Protein backbone atom coordinates (compact mmCIF):
# COMPACT_ATOMS: atom_id res chain seq x y z
CA UNK A 1 -11.56 -38.05 55.95
CA UNK A 2 -8.78 -36.41 57.88
CA UNK A 3 -8.05 -33.94 60.66
CA UNK A 4 -5.36 -31.29 60.73
CA UNK A 5 -3.41 -30.18 63.78
CA UNK A 6 -3.52 -26.38 63.42
CA UNK A 7 -1.87 -25.56 66.74
CA UNK A 8 0.65 -28.34 67.19
CA UNK A 9 2.69 -30.27 64.66
CA UNK A 10 0.60 -29.01 61.72
CA UNK A 11 0.21 -32.50 60.35
CA UNK A 12 -2.62 -34.65 58.95
CA UNK A 13 -4.11 -37.70 60.64
CA UNK A 14 -7.16 -39.88 59.90
CA UNK A 15 -10.44 -38.72 61.46
CA UNK A 16 -11.99 -41.01 64.10
CA UNK A 17 -14.76 -43.20 62.72
CA UNK A 18 -17.17 -42.68 65.64
CA UNK A 19 -18.28 -39.10 64.97
CA UNK A 20 -21.99 -38.43 64.58
CA UNK A 21 -21.48 -35.97 61.73
CA UNK A 22 -18.71 -35.02 59.33
CA UNK A 23 -18.41 -32.03 57.04
CA UNK A 24 -15.45 -32.49 54.72
CA UNK A 25 -13.91 -30.34 51.99
CA UNK A 26 -14.96 -31.84 48.65
CA UNK A 27 -14.43 -29.00 46.18
CA UNK A 28 -12.25 -25.89 45.91
CA UNK A 29 -12.22 -23.16 43.30
CA UNK A 30 -9.69 -22.26 42.12
CA UNK A 31 -8.21 -25.75 42.45
CA UNK A 32 -4.75 -24.77 43.69
CA UNK A 33 -2.22 -27.64 43.63
CA UNK A 34 -0.67 -26.36 46.87
CA UNK A 35 -4.01 -26.82 48.66
CA UNK A 36 -4.77 -30.36 47.40
CA UNK A 37 -4.05 -31.98 50.79
CA UNK A 38 -7.04 -30.03 52.19
CA UNK A 39 -9.47 -32.31 50.33
CA UNK A 40 -11.18 -34.57 52.87
CA UNK A 41 -10.52 -32.18 55.78
CA UNK A 42 -13.32 -32.51 58.38
CA UNK A 43 -13.87 -28.82 59.16
CA UNK A 44 -16.93 -29.46 61.34
CA UNK A 45 -14.83 -31.13 64.03
CA UNK A 46 -11.85 -28.78 63.91
CA UNK A 47 -12.02 -26.81 67.15
CA UNK A 48 -11.24 -23.47 65.44
CA UNK A 49 -14.13 -23.86 63.00
CA UNK A 50 -16.62 -26.03 64.87
CA UNK A 51 -18.48 -23.30 66.81
CA UNK A 52 -19.07 -20.84 63.90
CA UNK A 53 -19.96 -23.67 61.48
CA UNK A 54 -22.45 -25.19 63.93
CA UNK A 55 -23.91 -21.72 64.50
CA UNK A 56 -24.36 -21.32 60.75
CA UNK A 57 -26.02 -24.73 60.52
CA UNK A 58 -28.34 -23.84 63.39
CA UNK A 59 -29.38 -20.39 62.14
CA UNK A 60 -28.98 -20.74 58.37
CA UNK A 61 -27.04 -17.46 58.31
CA UNK A 62 -23.48 -16.57 57.37
CA UNK A 63 -20.79 -16.69 60.05
CA UNK A 64 -17.05 -16.26 59.97
CA UNK A 65 -14.37 -18.40 61.53
CA UNK A 66 -11.53 -17.02 63.65
CA UNK A 67 -8.36 -16.19 61.70
CA UNK A 68 -5.99 -19.11 61.13
CA UNK A 69 -2.73 -19.99 59.42
CA UNK A 70 -3.26 -21.60 56.02
CA UNK A 71 -1.80 -25.00 55.24
CA UNK A 72 -0.04 -23.55 52.19
CA UNK A 73 1.09 -20.44 54.09
CA UNK A 74 -0.42 -17.08 54.95
CA UNK A 75 -3.29 -16.00 57.20
CA UNK A 76 -7.00 -16.13 56.40
CA UNK A 77 -10.50 -16.60 57.76
CA UNK A 78 -13.56 -18.29 56.25
CA UNK A 79 -17.01 -16.86 55.66
CA UNK A 80 -19.36 -19.87 55.77
CA UNK A 81 -23.03 -20.37 54.90
CA UNK A 82 -25.10 -23.60 54.87
CA UNK A 83 -26.85 -24.77 51.71
CA UNK A 84 -30.11 -26.73 51.90
CA UNK A 85 -32.14 -28.74 49.39
CA UNK A 86 -35.44 -27.27 48.26
CA UNK A 87 -38.66 -29.08 47.33
CA UNK A 88 -37.50 -30.01 43.86
CA UNK A 89 -33.97 -30.85 44.91
CA UNK A 90 -32.53 -27.46 44.02
CA UNK A 91 -29.91 -26.05 46.37
CA UNK A 92 -30.97 -23.02 48.38
CA UNK A 93 -29.17 -20.90 50.95
CA UNK A 94 -30.58 -20.24 54.39
CA UNK A 95 -33.65 -22.48 54.06
CA UNK A 96 -33.69 -23.57 57.69
CA UNK A 97 -35.41 -26.89 58.39
CA UNK A 98 -34.67 -28.42 54.98
CA UNK A 99 -32.23 -31.17 54.15
CA UNK A 100 -28.62 -30.00 54.36
CA UNK A 101 -26.82 -30.15 51.03
CA UNK A 102 -23.48 -28.79 52.18
CA UNK A 103 -21.63 -25.72 53.27
CA UNK A 104 -20.23 -22.95 51.09
CA UNK A 105 -17.06 -21.37 52.44
CA UNK A 106 -15.42 -18.23 51.08
CA UNK A 107 -11.77 -18.08 52.04
CA UNK A 108 -10.70 -14.49 52.78
CA UNK A 109 -6.94 -14.01 52.40
CA UNK A 110 -5.90 -11.31 54.84
CA UNK A 111 -2.89 -10.35 52.75
CA UNK A 112 -4.97 -9.88 49.59
CA UNK A 113 -7.72 -8.10 51.50
CA UNK A 114 -5.27 -5.62 53.01
CA UNK A 115 -3.09 -5.07 49.95
CA UNK A 116 -3.93 -1.62 48.61
CA UNK A 117 -1.54 -0.54 45.85
CA UNK A 118 -0.13 2.94 45.99
CA UNK A 119 -1.03 3.58 49.64
CA UNK A 120 1.38 4.14 52.50
CA UNK A 121 -0.78 4.05 55.69
CA UNK A 122 -0.77 1.02 57.98
CA UNK A 123 -3.85 -1.24 57.81
CA UNK A 124 -4.90 -3.88 60.32
CA UNK A 125 -7.77 -6.21 61.19
CA UNK A 126 -8.93 -7.11 64.68
CA UNK A 127 -11.99 -8.53 66.39
CA UNK A 128 -14.66 -6.19 67.66
CA UNK A 129 -14.90 -5.31 71.33
CA UNK A 130 -17.72 -7.74 72.09
CA UNK A 131 -15.58 -10.65 70.91
CA UNK A 132 -12.51 -12.15 72.52
CA UNK A 133 -9.21 -10.51 71.69
CA UNK A 134 -8.55 -6.86 70.91
CA UNK A 135 -5.09 -7.11 69.42
CA UNK A 136 -4.86 -7.02 65.60
CA UNK A 137 -4.65 -10.50 64.13
CA UNK A 138 -3.28 -9.15 60.86
CA UNK A 139 -1.43 -5.96 60.04
CA UNK A 140 -0.03 -4.52 56.84
CA UNK A 141 2.71 -1.93 57.32
CA UNK A 142 3.81 0.51 54.66
CA UNK A 143 7.31 0.29 53.29
CA UNK A 144 9.91 2.69 54.62
CA UNK A 145 10.68 5.67 52.43
CA UNK A 146 13.20 8.48 52.31
CA UNK A 147 10.80 10.70 54.29
CA UNK A 148 10.65 8.33 57.28
CA UNK A 149 13.66 9.98 58.93
CA UNK A 150 11.61 13.15 59.55
CA UNK A 151 10.26 13.52 63.12
CA UNK A 152 6.77 12.15 63.85
CA UNK A 153 4.41 14.96 64.88
CA UNK A 154 1.31 12.87 65.63
CA UNK A 155 -0.49 9.68 64.59
CA UNK A 156 -3.91 9.55 62.93
CA UNK A 157 -5.97 6.38 63.43
CA UNK A 158 -9.49 5.27 62.52
CA UNK A 159 -11.43 1.99 62.87
CA UNK A 160 -14.51 0.93 60.93
CA UNK A 161 -16.50 -2.34 60.99
CA UNK A 162 -15.86 -4.66 58.04
CA UNK A 163 -19.44 -5.85 57.69
CA UNK A 164 -22.41 -7.14 59.66
CA UNK A 165 -22.54 -9.70 62.43
CA UNK A 166 -21.22 -12.38 60.06
CA UNK A 167 -17.80 -10.71 60.10
CA UNK A 168 -17.14 -9.31 63.60
CA UNK A 169 -14.01 -7.46 62.56
CA UNK A 170 -12.71 -3.93 62.66
CA UNK A 171 -10.64 -2.55 59.82
CA UNK A 172 -8.17 0.00 61.11
CA UNK A 173 -6.03 2.49 59.27
CA UNK A 174 -3.20 4.44 60.87
CA UNK A 175 -0.84 7.07 59.54
CA UNK A 176 2.12 8.74 61.21
CA UNK A 177 2.17 12.41 60.23
CA UNK A 178 5.73 13.59 59.88
CA UNK A 179 7.21 17.03 59.39
CA UNK A 180 7.71 16.33 55.69
CA UNK A 181 3.98 15.54 55.25
CA UNK A 182 3.08 19.13 56.15
CA UNK A 183 5.31 20.54 53.41
CA UNK A 184 6.71 23.09 55.85
CA UNK A 185 9.36 24.28 53.40
CA UNK A 186 6.73 25.03 50.74
CA UNK A 187 4.54 26.80 53.29
CA UNK A 188 7.53 28.77 54.52
CA UNK A 189 8.45 29.89 51.00
CA UNK A 190 4.86 30.91 50.28
CA UNK A 191 4.68 32.88 53.53
CA UNK A 192 8.01 34.57 52.80
CA UNK A 193 6.77 35.52 49.32
CA UNK A 194 3.56 36.94 50.81
CA UNK A 195 5.58 38.84 53.42
CA UNK A 196 7.89 40.28 50.76
CA UNK A 197 4.90 41.45 48.71
CA UNK A 198 3.29 42.95 51.82
CA UNK A 199 6.48 44.80 52.81
CA UNK A 200 7.00 46.02 49.25
CA UNK A 201 3.43 47.33 49.11
CA UNK A 202 3.86 48.96 52.51
CA UNK A 203 7.08 50.66 51.41
CA UNK A 204 5.38 51.94 48.26
CA UNK A 205 2.49 53.33 50.32
CA UNK A 206 4.81 55.02 52.80
CA UNK A 207 6.90 56.47 49.97
CA UNK A 208 3.81 57.81 48.23
CA UNK A 209 2.51 59.30 51.47
CA UNK A 210 5.87 60.92 52.11
CA UNK A 211 5.90 62.56 48.68
CA UNK A 212 2.37 63.90 49.05
CA UNK A 213 3.10 65.26 52.57
CA UNK A 214 6.17 67.33 51.55
CA UNK A 215 5.51 71.15 51.22
CA UNK A 216 5.98 72.70 47.78
CA UNK A 217 9.25 74.59 47.34
CA UNK A 218 8.93 78.40 46.81
CA UNK A 219 11.25 80.44 44.65
């Protein structure tokens, strides 16, 4: 059983042998070779994960950990839920008061979560207002394009909650609206065409009215 220094030297060291309880990583799917050193990691006594994991153990409900840097690179957070043994030894979720069988943890990769093919707005994740920290902990910016040199007229932004209390995050989307996005040239050409048609019709009407208003010539 080992500990990992997330904030400092990012290195492994043996866990102390005087802890009352350990909760170590024993299985991962998919079994990525780059993540093999994580086996034996005591997540219960890691200060980033301890509070949400103990809350899940106490309530039997899902909780999420704060975002963290992965050992193999990238940013993620974990959605955790305790598993308990039933009467016949079967594993059940959320059966408070029964014998603890383990903890299921779903690793949410921020990069994969935020990667939306074919879209150019900016996406970001941040904690909700009733939790500490209001700055985005992960942001995905669109790639620059040939239209990015056009002046920015205004910025559209919206935030929506990711899920329930288990995931206290806000998903934000932002888009800078530039002159090119409004297709001003197309609108201008359409308006010019409409104006030309209107003027032509007006000229025809005036010409017809002029002909009808002329007195007949007498011989």
